[in-house]
Amino acid sequence: HSIARGNLKPLVARELSGNESGEV
């Protein structure tokens, strides 16, 4: 099993703006 398919995103937005969709 050598599948490397994943999401590489932070847990929270670097600048909290109330809209985290697509960034976290």
PDBML (XML) file of the C-alpha atoms, coordinates in Angstrom:
<?xml version="1.0" encoding="UTF-8" ?>
<PDBx:datablock datablockName="MODEL"
   xmlns:PDBx="http://pdbml.pdb.org/schema/pdbx-v50.xsd"
   xmlns:xsi="http://www.w3.org/2001/XMLSchema-instance"
   xsi:schemaLocation="http://pdbml.pdb.org/schema/pdbx-v50.xsd pdbx-v50.xsd">
   <PDBx:atom_siteCategory>
      <PDBx:atom_site id="1">
         <PDBx:B_iso_or_equiv>0.00</PDBx:B_iso_or_equiv>
         <PDBx:Cartn_x>0.000</PDBx:Cartn_x>
         <PDBx:Cartn_y>0.000</PDBx:Cartn_y>
         <PDBx:Cartn_z>0.000</PDBx:Cartn_z>
         <PDBx:auth_asym_id>A</PDBx:auth_asym_id>
         <PDBx:auth_atom_id>CA</PDBx:auth_atom_id>
         <PDBx:auth_comp_id>HIS</PDBx:auth_comp_id>
         <PDBx:auth_seq_id>1</PDBx:auth_seq_id>
         <PDBx:group_PDB>ATOM</PDBx:group_PDB>
         <PDBx:label_alt_id xsi:nil="true" />
         <PDBx:label_asym_id>A</PDBx:label_asym_id>
         <PDBx:label_atom_id>CA</PDBx:label_atom_id>
         <PDBx:label_comp_id>HIS</PDBx:label_comp_id>
         <PDBx:label_entity_id>1</PDBx:label_entity_id>
         <PDBx:label_seq_id>1</PDBx:label_seq_id>
         <PDBx:occupancy>1.00</PDBx:occupancy>
         <PDBx:pdbx_PDB_model_num>1</PDBx:pdbx_PDB_model_num>
         <PDBx:type_symbol>C</PDBx:type_symbol>
      </PDBx:atom_site>
      <PDBx:atom_site id="2">
         <PDBx:B_iso_or_equiv>0.00</PDBx:B_iso_or_equiv>
         <PDBx:Cartn_x>1.833</PDBx:Cartn_x>
         <PDBx:Cartn_y>3.065</PDBx:Cartn_y>
         <PDBx:Cartn_z>-1.317</PDBx:Cartn_z>
         <PDBx:auth_asym_id>A</PDBx:auth_asym_id>
         <PDBx:auth_atom_id>CA</PDBx:auth_atom_id>
         <PDBx:auth_comp_id>SER</PDBx:auth_comp_id>
         <PDBx:auth_seq_id>2</PDBx:auth_seq_id>
         <PDBx:group_PDB>ATOM</PDBx:group_PDB>
         <PDBx:label_alt_id xsi:nil="true" />
         <PDBx:label_asym_id>A</PDBx:label_asym_id>
         <PDBx:label_atom_id>CA</PDBx:label_atom_id>
         <PDBx:label_comp_id>SER</PDBx:label_comp_id>
         <PDBx:label_entity_id>1</PDBx:label_entity_id>
         <PDBx:label_seq_id>2</PDBx:label_seq_id>
         <PDBx:occupancy>1.00</PDBx:occupancy>
         <PDBx:pdbx_PDB_model_num>1</PDBx:pdbx_PDB_model_num>
         <PDBx:type_symbol>C</PDBx:type_symbol>
      </PDBx:atom_site>
      <PDBx:atom_site id="3">
         <PDBx:B_iso_or_equiv>0.00</PDBx:B_iso_or_equiv>
         <PDBx:Cartn_x>-1.072</PDBx:Cartn_x>
         <PDBx:Cartn_y>5.398</PDBx:Cartn_y>
         <PDBx:Cartn_z>-2.047</PDBx:Cartn_z>
         <PDBx:auth_asym_id>A</PDBx:auth_asym_id>
         <PDBx:auth_atom_id>CA</PDBx:auth_atom_id>
         <PDBx:auth_comp_id>ILE</PDBx:auth_comp_id>
         <PDBx:auth_seq_id>3</PDBx:auth_seq_id>
         <PDBx:group_PDB>ATOM</PDBx:group_PDB>
         <PDBx:label_alt_id xsi:nil="true" />
         <PDBx:label_asym_id>A</PDBx:label_asym_id>
         <PDBx:label_atom_id>CA</PDBx:label_atom_id>
         <PDBx:label_comp_id>ILE</PDBx:label_comp_id>
         <PDBx:label_entity_id>1</PDBx:label_entity_id>
         <PDBx:label_seq_id>3</PDBx:label_seq_id>
         <PDBx:occupancy>1.00</PDBx:occupancy>
         <PDBx:pdbx_PDB_model_num>1</PDBx:pdbx_PDB_model_num>
         <PDBx:type_symbol>C</PDBx:type_symbol>
      </PDBx:atom_site>
      <PDBx:atom_site id="4">
         <PDBx:B_iso_or_equiv>0.00</PDBx:B_iso_or_equiv>
         <PDBx:Cartn_x>-0.187</PDBx:Cartn_x>
         <PDBx:Cartn_y>9.043</PDBx:Cartn_y>
         <PDBx:Cartn_z>-1.454</PDBx:Cartn_z>
         <PDBx:auth_asym_id>A</PDBx:auth_asym_id>
         <PDBx:auth_atom_id>CA</PDBx:auth_atom_id>
         <PDBx:auth_comp_id>ALA</PDBx:auth_comp_id>
         <PDBx:auth_seq_id>4</PDBx:auth_seq_id>
         <PDBx:group_PDB>ATOM</PDBx:group_PDB>
         <PDBx:label_alt_id xsi:nil="true" />
         <PDBx:label_asym_id>A</PDBx:label_asym_id>
         <PDBx:label_atom_id>CA</PDBx:label_atom_id>
         <PDBx:label_comp_id>ALA</PDBx:label_comp_id>
         <PDBx:label_entity_id>1</PDBx:label_entity_id>
         <PDBx:label_seq_id>4</PDBx:label_seq_id>
         <PDBx:occupancy>1.00</PDBx:occupancy>
         <PDBx:pdbx_PDB_model_num>1</PDBx:pdbx_PDB_model_num>
         <PDBx:type_symbol>C</PDBx:type_symbol>
      </PDBx:atom_site>
      <PDBx:atom_site id="5">
         <PDBx:B_iso_or_equiv>0.00</PDBx:B_iso_or_equiv>
         <PDBx:Cartn_x>-3.419</PDBx:Cartn_x>
         <PDBx:Cartn_y>10.926</PDBx:Cartn_y>
         <PDBx:Cartn_z>-1.924</PDBx:Cartn_z>
         <PDBx:auth_asym_id>A</PDBx:auth_asym_id>
         <PDBx:auth_atom_id>CA</PDBx:auth_atom_id>
         <PDBx:auth_comp_id>ARG</PDBx:auth_comp_id>
         <PDBx:auth_seq_id>5</PDBx:auth_seq_id>
         <PDBx:group_PDB>ATOM</PDBx:group_PDB>
         <PDBx:label_alt_id xsi:nil="true" />
         <PDBx:label_asym_id>A</PDBx:label_asym_id>
         <PDBx:label_atom_id>CA</PDBx:label_atom_id>
         <PDBx:label_comp_id>ARG</PDBx:label_comp_id>
         <PDBx:label_entity_id>1</PDBx:label_entity_id>
         <PDBx:label_seq_id>5</PDBx:label_seq_id>
         <PDBx:occupancy>1.00</PDBx:occupancy>
         <PDBx:pdbx_PDB_model_num>1</PDBx:pdbx_PDB_model_num>
         <PDBx:type_symbol>C</PDBx:type_symbol>
      </PDBx:atom_site>
      <PDBx:atom_site id="6">
         <PDBx:B_iso_or_equiv>0.00</PDBx:B_iso_or_equiv>
         <PDBx:Cartn_x>-4.356</PDBx:Cartn_x>
         <PDBx:Cartn_y>13.405</PDBx:Cartn_y>
         <PDBx:Cartn_z>0.768</PDBx:Cartn_z>
         <PDBx:auth_asym_id>A</PDBx:auth_asym_id>
         <PDBx:auth_atom_id>CA</PDBx:auth_atom_id>
         <PDBx:auth_comp_id>GLY</PDBx:auth_comp_id>
         <PDBx:auth_seq_id>6</PDBx:auth_seq_id>
         <PDBx:group_PDB>ATOM</PDBx:group_PDB>
         <PDBx:label_alt_id xsi:nil="true" />
         <PDBx:label_asym_id>A</PDBx:label_asym_id>
         <PDBx:label_atom_id>CA</PDBx:label_atom_id>
         <PDBx:label_comp_id>GLY</PDBx:label_comp_id>
         <PDBx:label_entity_id>1</PDBx:label_entity_id>
         <PDBx:label_seq_id>6</PDBx:label_seq_id>
         <PDBx:occupancy>1.00</PDBx:occupancy>
         <PDBx:pdbx_PDB_model_num>1</PDBx:pdbx_PDB_model_num>
         <PDBx:type_symbol>C</PDBx:type_symbol>
      </PDBx:atom_site>
      <PDBx:atom_site id="7">
         <PDBx:B_iso_or_equiv>0.00</PDBx:B_iso_or_equiv>
         <PDBx:Cartn_x>-5.243</PDBx:Cartn_x>
         <PDBx:Cartn_y>16.959</PDBx:Cartn_y>
         <PDBx:Cartn_z>1.643</PDBx:Cartn_z>
         <PDBx:auth_asym_id>A</PDBx:auth_asym_id>
         <PDBx:auth_atom_id>CA</PDBx:auth_atom_id>
         <PDBx:auth_comp_id>ASN</PDBx:auth_comp_id>
         <PDBx:auth_seq_id>7</PDBx:auth_seq_id>
         <PDBx:group_PDB>ATOM</PDBx:group_PDB>
         <PDBx:label_alt_id xsi:nil="true" />
         <PDBx:label_asym_id>A</PDBx:label_asym_id>
         <PDBx:label_atom_id>CA</PDBx:label_atom_id>
         <PDBx:label_comp_id>ASN</PDBx:label_comp_id>
         <PDBx:label_entity_id>1</PDBx:label_entity_id>
         <PDBx:label_seq_id>7</PDBx:label_seq_id>
         <PDBx:occupancy>1.00</PDBx:occupancy>
         <PDBx:pdbx_PDB_model_num>1</PDBx:pdbx_PDB_model_num>
         <PDBx:type_symbol>C</PDBx:type_symbol>
      </PDBx:atom_site>
      <PDBx:atom_site id="8">
         <PDBx:B_iso_or_equiv>0.00</PDBx:B_iso_or_equiv>
         <PDBx:Cartn_x>-2.474</PDBx:Cartn_x>
         <PDBx:Cartn_y>19.287</PDBx:Cartn_y>
         <PDBx:Cartn_z>2.772</PDBx:Cartn_z>
         <PDBx:auth_asym_id>A</PDBx:auth_asym_id>
         <PDBx:auth_atom_id>CA</PDBx:auth_atom_id>
         <PDBx:auth_comp_id>LEU</PDBx:auth_comp_id>
         <PDBx:auth_seq_id>8</PDBx:auth_seq_id>
         <PDBx:group_PDB>ATOM</PDBx:group_PDB>
         <PDBx:label_alt_id xsi:nil="true" />
         <PDBx:label_asym_id>A</PDBx:label_asym_id>
         <PDBx:label_atom_id>CA</PDBx:label_atom_id>
         <PDBx:label_comp_id>LEU</PDBx:label_comp_id>
         <PDBx:label_entity_id>1</PDBx:label_entity_id>
         <PDBx:label_seq_id>8</PDBx:label_seq_id>
         <PDBx:occupancy>1.00</PDBx:occupancy>
         <PDBx:pdbx_PDB_model_num>1</PDBx:pdbx_PDB_model_num>
         <PDBx:type_symbol>C</PDBx:type_symbol>
      </PDBx:atom_site>
      <PDBx:atom_site id="9">
         <PDBx:B_iso_or_equiv>0.00</PDBx:B_iso_or_equiv>
         <PDBx:Cartn_x>-4.156</PDBx:Cartn_x>
         <PDBx:Cartn_y>22.201</PDBx:Cartn_y>
         <PDBx:Cartn_z>4.533</PDBx:Cartn_z>
         <PDBx:auth_asym_id>A</PDBx:auth_asym_id>
         <PDBx:auth_atom_id>CA</PDBx:auth_atom_id>
         <PDBx:auth_comp_id>LYS</PDBx:auth_comp_id>
         <PDBx:auth_seq_id>9</PDBx:auth_seq_id>
         <PDBx:group_PDB>ATOM</PDBx:group_PDB>
         <PDBx:label_alt_id xsi:nil="true" />
         <PDBx:label_asym_id>A</PDBx:label_asym_id>
         <PDBx:label_atom_id>CA</PDBx:label_atom_id>
         <PDBx:label_comp_id>LYS</PDBx:label_comp_id>
         <PDBx:label_entity_id>1</PDBx:label_entity_id>
         <PDBx:label_seq_id>9</PDBx:label_seq_id>
         <PDBx:occupancy>1.00</PDBx:occupancy>
         <PDBx:pdbx_PDB_model_num>1</PDBx:pdbx_PDB_model_num>
         <PDBx:type_symbol>C</PDBx:type_symbol>
      </PDBx:atom_site>
      <PDBx:atom_site id="10">
         <PDBx:B_iso_or_equiv>0.00</PDBx:B_iso_or_equiv>
         <PDBx:Cartn_x>-3.884</PDBx:Cartn_x>
         <PDBx:Cartn_y>23.894</PDBx:Cartn_y>
         <PDBx:Cartn_z>7.929</PDBx:Cartn_z>
         <PDBx:auth_asym_id>A</PDBx:auth_asym_id>
         <PDBx:auth_atom_id>CA</PDBx:auth_atom_id>
         <PDBx:auth_comp_id>PRO</PDBx:auth_comp_id>
         <PDBx:auth_seq_id>10</PDBx:auth_seq_id>
         <PDBx:group_PDB>ATOM</PDBx:group_PDB>
         <PDBx:label_alt_id xsi:nil="true" />
         <PDBx:label_asym_id>A</PDBx:label_asym_id>
         <PDBx:label_atom_id>CA</PDBx:label_atom_id>
         <PDBx:label_comp_id>PRO</PDBx:label_comp_id>
         <PDBx:label_entity_id>1</PDBx:label_entity_id>
         <PDBx:label_seq_id>10</PDBx:label_seq_id>
         <PDBx:occupancy>1.00</PDBx:occupancy>
         <PDBx:pdbx_PDB_model_num>1</PDBx:pdbx_PDB_model_num>
         <PDBx:type_symbol>C</PDBx:type_symbol>
      </PDBx:atom_site>
      <PDBx:atom_site id="11">
         <PDBx:B_iso_or_equiv>0.00</PDBx:B_iso_or_equiv>
         <PDBx:Cartn_x>-6.421</PDBx:Cartn_x>
         <PDBx:Cartn_y>23.232</PDBx:Cartn_y>
         <PDBx:Cartn_z>10.684</PDBx:Cartn_z>
         <PDBx:auth_asym_id>A</PDBx:auth_asym_id>
         <PDBx:auth_atom_id>CA</PDBx:auth_atom_id>
         <PDBx:auth_comp_id>LEU</PDBx:auth_comp_id>
         <PDBx:auth_seq_id>11</PDBx:auth_seq_id>
         <PDBx:group_PDB>ATOM</PDBx:group_PDB>
         <PDBx:label_alt_id xsi:nil="true" />
         <PDBx:label_asym_id>A</PDBx:label_asym_id>
         <PDBx:label_atom_id>CA</PDBx:label_atom_id>
         <PDBx:label_comp_id>LEU</PDBx:label_comp_id>
         <PDBx:label_entity_id>1</PDBx:label_entity_id>
         <PDBx:label_seq_id>11</PDBx:label_seq_id>
         <PDBx:occupancy>1.00</PDBx:occupancy>
         <PDBx:pdbx_PDB_model_num>1</PDBx:pdbx_PDB_model_num>
         <PDBx:type_symbol>C</PDBx:type_symbol>
      </PDBx:atom_site>
      <PDBx:atom_site id="12">
         <PDBx:B_iso_or_equiv>0.00</PDBx:B_iso_or_equiv>
         <PDBx:Cartn_x>-7.340</PDBx:Cartn_x>
         <PDBx:Cartn_y>26.904</PDBx:Cartn_y>
         <PDBx:Cartn_z>10.992</PDBx:Cartn_z>
         <PDBx:auth_asym_id>A</PDBx:auth_asym_id>
         <PDBx:auth_atom_id>CA</PDBx:auth_atom_id>
         <PDBx:auth_comp_id>VAL</PDBx:auth_comp_id>
         <PDBx:auth_seq_id>12</PDBx:auth_seq_id>
         <PDBx:group_PDB>ATOM</PDBx:group_PDB>
         <PDBx:label_alt_id xsi:nil="true" />
         <PDBx:label_asym_id>A</PDBx:label_asym_id>
         <PDBx:label_atom_id>CA</PDBx:label_atom_id>
         <PDBx:label_comp_id>VAL</PDBx:label_comp_id>
         <PDBx:label_entity_id>1</PDBx:label_entity_id>
         <PDBx:label_seq_id>12</PDBx:label_seq_id>
         <PDBx:occupancy>1.00</PDBx:occupancy>
         <PDBx:pdbx_PDB_model_num>1</PDBx:pdbx_PDB_model_num>
         <PDBx:type_symbol>C</PDBx:type_symbol>
      </PDBx:atom_site>
      <PDBx:atom_site id="13">
         <PDBx:B_iso_or_equiv>0.00</PDBx:B_iso_or_equiv>
         <PDBx:Cartn_x>-6.999</PDBx:Cartn_x>
         <PDBx:Cartn_y>29.882</PDBx:Cartn_y>
         <PDBx:Cartn_z>8.691</PDBx:Cartn_z>
         <PDBx:auth_asym_id>A</PDBx:auth_asym_id>
         <PDBx:auth_atom_id>CA</PDBx:auth_atom_id>
         <PDBx:auth_comp_id>ALA</PDBx:auth_comp_id>
         <PDBx:auth_seq_id>13</PDBx:auth_seq_id>
         <PDBx:group_PDB>ATOM</PDBx:group_PDB>
         <PDBx:label_alt_id xsi:nil="true" />
         <PDBx:label_asym_id>A</PDBx:label_asym_id>
         <PDBx:label_atom_id>CA</PDBx:label_atom_id>
         <PDBx:label_comp_id>ALA</PDBx:label_comp_id>
         <PDBx:label_entity_id>1</PDBx:label_entity_id>
         <PDBx:label_seq_id>13</PDBx:label_seq_id>
         <PDBx:occupancy>1.00</PDBx:occupancy>
         <PDBx:pdbx_PDB_model_num>1</PDBx:pdbx_PDB_model_num>
         <PDBx:type_symbol>C</PDBx:type_symbol>
      </PDBx:atom_site>
      <PDBx:atom_site id="14">
         <PDBx:B_iso_or_equiv>0.00</PDBx:B_iso_or_equiv>
         <PDBx:Cartn_x>-3.794</PDBx:Cartn_x>
         <PDBx:Cartn_y>31.822</PDBx:Cartn_y>
         <PDBx:Cartn_z>9.071</PDBx:Cartn_z>
         <PDBx:auth_asym_id>A</PDBx:auth_asym_id>
         <PDBx:auth_atom_id>CA</PDBx:auth_atom_id>
         <PDBx:auth_comp_id>ARG</PDBx:auth_comp_id>
         <PDBx:auth_seq_id>14</PDBx:auth_seq_id>
         <PDBx:group_PDB>ATOM</PDBx:group_PDB>
         <PDBx:label_alt_id xsi:nil="true" />
         <PDBx:label_asym_id>A</PDBx:label_asym_id>
         <PDBx:label_atom_id>CA</PDBx:label_atom_id>
         <PDBx:label_comp_id>ARG</PDBx:label_comp_id>
         <PDBx:label_entity_id>1</PDBx:label_entity_id>
         <PDBx:label_seq_id>14</PDBx:label_seq_id>
         <PDBx:occupancy>1.00</PDBx:occupancy>
         <PDBx:pdbx_PDB_model_num>1</PDBx:pdbx_PDB_model_num>
         <PDBx:type_symbol>C</PDBx:type_symbol>
      </PDBx:atom_site>
      <PDBx:atom_site id="15">
         <PDBx:B_iso_or_equiv>0.00</PDBx:B_iso_or_equiv>
         <PDBx:Cartn_x>-5.901</PDBx:Cartn_x>
         <PDBx:Cartn_y>34.956</PDBx:Cartn_y>
         <PDBx:Cartn_z>9.475</PDBx:Cartn_z>
         <PDBx:auth_asym_id>A</PDBx:auth_asym_id>
         <PDBx:auth_atom_id>CA</PDBx:auth_atom_id>
         <PDBx:auth_comp_id>GLU</PDBx:auth_comp_id>
         <PDBx:auth_seq_id>15</PDBx:auth_seq_id>
         <PDBx:group_PDB>ATOM</PDBx:group_PDB>
         <PDBx:label_alt_id xsi:nil="true" />
         <PDBx:label_asym_id>A</PDBx:label_asym_id>
         <PDBx:label_atom_id>CA</PDBx:label_atom_id>
         <PDBx:label_comp_id>GLU</PDBx:label_comp_id>
         <PDBx:label_entity_id>1</PDBx:label_entity_id>
         <PDBx:label_seq_id>15</PDBx:label_seq_id>
         <PDBx:occupancy>1.00</PDBx:occupancy>
         <PDBx:pdbx_PDB_model_num>1</PDBx:pdbx_PDB_model_num>
         <PDBx:type_symbol>C</PDBx:type_symbol>
      </PDBx:atom_site>
      <PDBx:atom_site id="16">
         <PDBx:B_iso_or_equiv>0.00</PDBx:B_iso_or_equiv>
         <PDBx:Cartn_x>-9.232</PDBx:Cartn_x>
         <PDBx:Cartn_y>34.316</PDBx:Cartn_y>
         <PDBx:Cartn_z>11.149</PDBx:Cartn_z>
         <PDBx:auth_asym_id>A</PDBx:auth_asym_id>
         <PDBx:auth_atom_id>CA</PDBx:auth_atom_id>
         <PDBx:auth_comp_id>LEU</PDBx:auth_comp_id>
         <PDBx:auth_seq_id>16</PDBx:auth_seq_id>
         <PDBx:group_PDB>ATOM</PDBx:group_PDB>
         <PDBx:label_alt_id xsi:nil="true" />
         <PDBx:label_asym_id>A</PDBx:label_asym_id>
         <PDBx:label_atom_id>CA</PDBx:label_atom_id>
         <PDBx:label_comp_id>LEU</PDBx:label_comp_id>
         <PDBx:label_entity_id>1</PDBx:label_entity_id>
         <PDBx:label_seq_id>16</PDBx:label_seq_id>
         <PDBx:occupancy>1.00</PDBx:occupancy>
         <PDBx:pdbx_PDB_model_num>1</PDBx:pdbx_PDB_model_num>
         <PDBx:type_symbol>C</PDBx:type_symbol>
      </PDBx:atom_site>
      <PDBx:atom_site id="17">
         <PDBx:B_iso_or_equiv>0.00</PDBx:B_iso_or_equiv>
         <PDBx:Cartn_x>-11.878</PDBx:Cartn_x>
         <PDBx:Cartn_y>36.112</PDBx:Cartn_y>
         <PDBx:Cartn_z>9.115</PDBx:Cartn_z>
         <PDBx:auth_asym_id>A</PDBx:auth_asym_id>
         <PDBx:auth_atom_id>CA</PDBx:auth_atom_id>
         <PDBx:auth_comp_id>SER</PDBx:auth_comp_id>
         <PDBx:auth_seq_id>17</PDBx:auth_seq_id>
         <PDBx:group_PDB>ATOM</PDBx:group_PDB>
         <PDBx:label_alt_id xsi:nil="true" />
         <PDBx:label_asym_id>A</PDBx:label_asym_id>
         <PDBx:label_atom_id>CA</PDBx:label_atom_id>
         <PDBx:label_comp_id>SER</PDBx:label_comp_id>
         <PDBx:label_entity_id>1</PDBx:label_entity_id>
         <PDBx:label_seq_id>17</PDBx:label_seq_id>
         <PDBx:occupancy>1.00</PDBx:occupancy>
         <PDBx:pdbx_PDB_model_num>1</PDBx:pdbx_PDB_model_num>
         <PDBx:type_symbol>C</PDBx:type_symbol>
      </PDBx:atom_site>
      <PDBx:atom_site id="18">
         <PDBx:B_iso_or_equiv>0.00</PDBx:B_iso_or_equiv>
         <PDBx:Cartn_x>-14.967</PDBx:Cartn_x>
         <PDBx:Cartn_y>34.075</PDBx:Cartn_y>
         <PDBx:Cartn_z>9.840</PDBx:Cartn_z>
         <PDBx:auth_asym_id>A</PDBx:auth_asym_id>
         <PDBx:auth_atom_id>CA</PDBx:auth_atom_id>
         <PDBx:auth_comp_id>GLY</PDBx:auth_comp_id>
         <PDBx:auth_seq_id>18</PDBx:auth_seq_id>
         <PDBx:group_PDB>ATOM</PDBx:group_PDB>
         <PDBx:label_alt_id xsi:nil="true" />
         <PDBx:label_asym_id>A</PDBx:label_asym_id>
         <PDBx:label_atom_id>CA</PDBx:label_atom_id>
         <PDBx:label_comp_id>GLY</PDBx:label_comp_id>
         <PDBx:label_entity_id>1</PDBx:label_entity_id>
         <PDBx:label_seq_id>18</PDBx:label_seq_id>
         <PDBx:occupancy>1.00</PDBx:occupancy>
         <PDBx:pdbx_PDB_model_num>1</PDBx:pdbx_PDB_model_num>
         <PDBx:type_symbol>C</PDBx:type_symbol>
      </PDBx:atom_site>
      <PDBx:atom_site id="19">
         <PDBx:B_iso_or_equiv>0.00</PDBx:B_iso_or_equiv>
         <PDBx:Cartn_x>-14.816</PDBx:Cartn_x>
         <PDBx:Cartn_y>32.444</PDBx:Cartn_y>
         <PDBx:Cartn_z>6.411</PDBx:Cartn_z>
         <PDBx:auth_asym_id>A</PDBx:auth_asym_id>
         <PDBx:auth_atom_id>CA</PDBx:auth_atom_id>
         <PDBx:auth_comp_id>ASN</PDBx:auth_comp_id>
         <PDBx:auth_seq_id>19</PDBx:auth_seq_id>
         <PDBx:group_PDB>ATOM</PDBx:group_PDB>
         <PDBx:label_alt_id xsi:nil="true" />
         <PDBx:label_asym_id>A</PDBx:label_asym_id>
         <PDBx:label_atom_id>CA</PDBx:label_atom_id>
         <PDBx:label_comp_id>ASN</PDBx:label_comp_id>
         <PDBx:label_entity_id>1</PDBx:label_entity_id>
         <PDBx:label_seq_id>19</PDBx:label_seq_id>
         <PDBx:occupancy>1.00</PDBx:occupancy>
         <PDBx:pdbx_PDB_model_num>1</PDBx:pdbx_PDB_model_num>
         <PDBx:type_symbol>C</PDBx:type_symbol>
      </PDBx:atom_site>
      <PDBx:atom_site id="20">
         <PDBx:B_iso_or_equiv>0.00</PDBx:B_iso_or_equiv>
         <PDBx:Cartn_x>-12.587</PDBx:Cartn_x>
         <PDBx:Cartn_y>29.387</PDBx:Cartn_y>
         <PDBx:Cartn_z>6.366</PDBx:Cartn_z>
         <PDBx:auth_asym_id>A</PDBx:auth_asym_id>
         <PDBx:auth_atom_id>CA</PDBx:auth_atom_id>
         <PDBx:auth_comp_id>GLU</PDBx:auth_comp_id>
         <PDBx:auth_seq_id>20</PDBx:auth_seq_id>
         <PDBx:group_PDB>ATOM</PDBx:group_PDB>
         <PDBx:label_alt_id xsi:nil="true" />
         <PDBx:label_asym_id>A</PDBx:label_asym_id>
         <PDBx:label_atom_id>CA</PDBx:label_atom_id>
         <PDBx:label_comp_id>GLU</PDBx:label_comp_id>
         <PDBx:label_entity_id>1</PDBx:label_entity_id>
         <PDBx:label_seq_id>20</PDBx:label_seq_id>
         <PDBx:occupancy>1.00</PDBx:occupancy>
         <PDBx:pdbx_PDB_model_num>1</PDBx:pdbx_PDB_model_num>
         <PDBx:type_symbol>C</PDBx:type_symbol>
      </PDBx:atom_site>
      <PDBx:atom_site id="21">
         <PDBx:B_iso_or_equiv>0.00</PDBx:B_iso_or_equiv>
         <PDBx:Cartn_x>-14.075</PDBx:Cartn_x>
         <PDBx:Cartn_y>27.591</PDBx:Cartn_y>
         <PDBx:Cartn_z>3.349</PDBx:Cartn_z>
         <PDBx:auth_asym_id>A</PDBx:auth_asym_id>
         <PDBx:auth_atom_id>CA</PDBx:auth_atom_id>
         <PDBx:auth_comp_id>SER</PDBx:auth_comp_id>
         <PDBx:auth_seq_id>21</PDBx:auth_seq_id>
         <PDBx:group_PDB>ATOM</PDBx:group_PDB>
         <PDBx:label_alt_id xsi:nil="true" />
         <PDBx:label_asym_id>A</PDBx:label_asym_id>
         <PDBx:label_atom_id>CA</PDBx:label_atom_id>
         <PDBx:label_comp_id>SER</PDBx:label_comp_id>
         <PDBx:label_entity_id>1</PDBx:label_entity_id>
         <PDBx:label_seq_id>21</PDBx:label_seq_id>
         <PDBx:occupancy>1.00</PDBx:occupancy>
         <PDBx:pdbx_PDB_model_num>1</PDBx:pdbx_PDB_model_num>
         <PDBx:type_symbol>C</PDBx:type_symbol>
      </PDBx:atom_site>
      <PDBx:atom_site id="22">
         <PDBx:B_iso_or_equiv>0.00</PDBx:B_iso_or_equiv>
         <PDBx:Cartn_x>-11.465</PDBx:Cartn_x>
         <PDBx:Cartn_y>26.281</PDBx:Cartn_y>
         <PDBx:Cartn_z>0.917</PDBx:Cartn_z>
         <PDBx:auth_asym_id>A</PDBx:auth_asym_id>
         <PDBx:auth_atom_id>CA</PDBx:auth_atom_id>
         <PDBx:auth_comp_id>GLY</PDBx:auth_comp_id>
         <PDBx:auth_seq_id>22</PDBx:auth_seq_id>
         <PDBx:group_PDB>ATOM</PDBx:group_PDB>
         <PDBx:label_alt_id xsi:nil="true" />
         <PDBx:label_asym_id>A</PDBx:label_asym_id>
         <PDBx:label_atom_id>CA</PDBx:label_atom_id>
         <PDBx:label_comp_id>GLY</PDBx:label_comp_id>
         <PDBx:label_entity_id>1</PDBx:label_entity_id>
         <PDBx:label_seq_id>22</PDBx:label_seq_id>
         <PDBx:occupancy>1.00</PDBx:occupancy>
         <PDBx:pdbx_PDB_model_num>1</PDBx:pdbx_PDB_model_num>
         <PDBx:type_symbol>C</PDBx:type_symbol>
      </PDBx:atom_site>
      <PDBx:atom_site id="23">
         <PDBx:B_iso_or_equiv>0.00</PDBx:B_iso_or_equiv>
         <PDBx:Cartn_x>-8.533</PDBx:Cartn_x>
         <PDBx:Cartn_y>27.373</PDBx:Cartn_y>
         <PDBx:Cartn_z>3.084</PDBx:Cartn_z>
         <PDBx:auth_asym_id>A</PDBx:auth_asym_id>
         <PDBx:auth_atom_id>CA</PDBx:auth_atom_id>
         <PDBx:auth_comp_id>GLU</PDBx:auth_comp_id>
         <PDBx:auth_seq_id>23</PDBx:auth_seq_id>
         <PDBx:group_PDB>ATOM</PDBx:group_PDB>
         <PDBx:label_alt_id xsi:nil="true" />
         <PDBx:label_asym_id>A</PDBx:label_asym_id>
         <PDBx:label_atom_id>CA</PDBx:label_atom_id>
         <PDBx:label_comp_id>GLU</PDBx:label_comp_id>
         <PDBx:label_entity_id>1</PDBx:label_entity_id>
         <PDBx:label_seq_id>23</PDBx:label_seq_id>
         <PDBx:occupancy>1.00</PDBx:occupancy>
         <PDBx:pdbx_PDB_model_num>1</PDBx:pdbx_PDB_model_num>
         <PDBx:type_symbol>C</PDBx:type_symbol>
      </PDBx:atom_site>
      <PDBx:atom_site id="24">
         <PDBx:B_iso_or_equiv>0.00</PDBx:B_iso_or_equiv>
         <PDBx:Cartn_x>-8.584</PDBx:Cartn_x>
         <PDBx:Cartn_y>24.941</PDBx:Cartn_y>
         <PDBx:Cartn_z>5.969</PDBx:Cartn_z>
         <PDBx:auth_asym_id>A</PDBx:auth_asym_id>
         <PDBx:auth_atom_id>CA</PDBx:auth_atom_id>
         <PDBx:auth_comp_id>VAL</PDBx:auth_comp_id>
         <PDBx:auth_seq_id>24</PDBx:auth_seq_id>
         <PDBx:group_PDB>ATOM</PDBx:group_PDB>
         <PDBx:label_alt_id xsi:nil="true" />
         <PDBx:label_asym_id>A</PDBx:label_asym_id>
         <PDBx:label_atom_id>CA</PDBx:label_atom_id>
         <PDBx:label_comp_id>VAL</PDBx:label_comp_id>
         <PDBx:label_entity_id>1</PDBx:label_entity_id>
         <PDBx:label_seq_id>24</PDBx:label_seq_id>
         <PDBx:occupancy>1.00</PDBx:occupancy>
         <PDBx:pdbx_PDB_model_num>1</PDBx:pdbx_PDB_model_num>
         <PDBx:type_symbol>C</PDBx:type_symbol>
      </PDBx:atom_site>
   </PDBx:atom_siteCategory>
</PDBx:datablock>
